[in-house]
Structures are given as structure tokens and as C-alpha cells.
Amino acid sequence: MGYTGGTLAGTGTIMLTTVDAETERHRQTWLGFCRFMRIMIVVIILILVGMAVFLL
């Protein structure tokens, strides 16, 4: 990411913020975990639907 900046509404000055070097790695890890959880929830739902269909 690096530096991000934006103007403050009232003063018109620019504020630069630094981003930790590990932030992007943590962000990618979190996105990967969320993707994994989404896939696992879909798999569990499909298993439950399959069980419901075959048990009727």
C-alpha cells in the first residue's frame, strides 16, 4: 500500500498516513480465511440439502 493521503475538509491541509509493512500480508490472510469460510459454508449447506433429499 504505502502512503495514502487526503485533504482534511476544514483546514485544506494534506494528512499522510503510513501503513505498516505487515498490513497487506494480514489483509491477504484475512481475505483468504473469509474465502475459505465461504466455501466451507456452501459445502456444509450442500451436504445438509443432500441429506435432506435422500432421507425423505
Protein backbone atom coordinates (compact mmCIF):
# COMPACT_ATOMS: atom_id res chain seq x y z
CA MET A 1 0.00 0.00 0.00
CA GLY A 2 2.47 2.66 1.07
CA TYR A 3 1.35 6.21 1.71
CA THR A 4 -2.20 7.36 1.41
CA GLY A 5 -3.24 10.93 1.63
CA GLY A 6 -6.32 13.05 1.60
CA THR A 7 -7.29 16.62 2.29
CA LEU A 8 -8.93 17.49 5.55
CA ALA A 9 -12.28 19.14 4.96
CA GLY A 10 -11.96 22.13 7.23
CA THR A 11 -8.30 23.04 7.03
CA GLY A 12 -7.38 22.09 3.48
CA THR A 13 -4.13 20.50 4.68
CA ILE A 14 -2.97 17.12 3.50
CA MET A 15 -2.54 14.35 6.04
CA LEU A 16 -0.19 11.50 5.10
CA THR A 17 -0.55 8.22 6.90
CA THR A 18 1.90 5.38 6.85
CA VAL A 19 0.77 1.79 6.60
CA ASP A 20 2.51 -0.99 8.45
CA ALA A 21 4.54 -3.27 6.20
CA GLU A 22 2.64 -6.28 7.55
CA THR A 23 -0.79 -4.79 6.83
CA GLU A 24 -1.01 -6.12 3.28
CA ARG A 25 0.04 -9.61 4.40
CA HIS A 26 -2.56 -9.58 7.18
CA ARG A 27 -5.19 -8.31 4.73
CA GLN A 28 -4.42 -11.13 2.29
CA THR A 29 -4.54 -13.68 5.12
CA TRP A 30 -7.92 -12.36 6.26
CA LEU A 31 -9.31 -12.39 2.71
CA GLY A 32 -8.10 -15.97 2.26
CA PHE A 33 -9.73 -17.00 5.54
CA CYS A 34 -13.01 -15.37 4.54
CA ARG A 35 -12.92 -17.13 1.18
CA PHE A 36 -12.24 -20.46 2.92
CA MET A 37 -15.13 -19.94 5.33
CA ARG A 38 -17.49 -19.03 2.49
CA ILE A 39 -16.57 -22.20 0.60
CA MET A 40 -16.93 -24.37 3.71
CA ILE A 41 -20.37 -22.91 4.48
CA VAL A 42 -21.50 -23.70 0.92
CA VAL A 43 -20.15 -27.26 1.25
CA ILE A 44 -21.95 -27.76 4.57
CA ILE A 45 -25.22 -26.44 3.13
CA LEU A 46 -24.90 -28.75 0.11
CA ILE A 47 -24.27 -31.73 2.41
CA LEU A 48 -27.30 -30.85 4.53
CA VAL A 49 -29.50 -30.41 1.45
CA GLY A 50 -28.25 -33.74 0.08
CA MET A 51 -29.00 -35.48 3.37
CA ALA A 52 -32.49 -33.95 3.44
CA VAL A 53 -33.22 -35.10 -0.11
CA PHE A 54 -32.02 -38.67 0.43
CA LEU A 55 -33.70 -39.03 3.82
CA LEU A 56 -37.16 -38.13 2.55
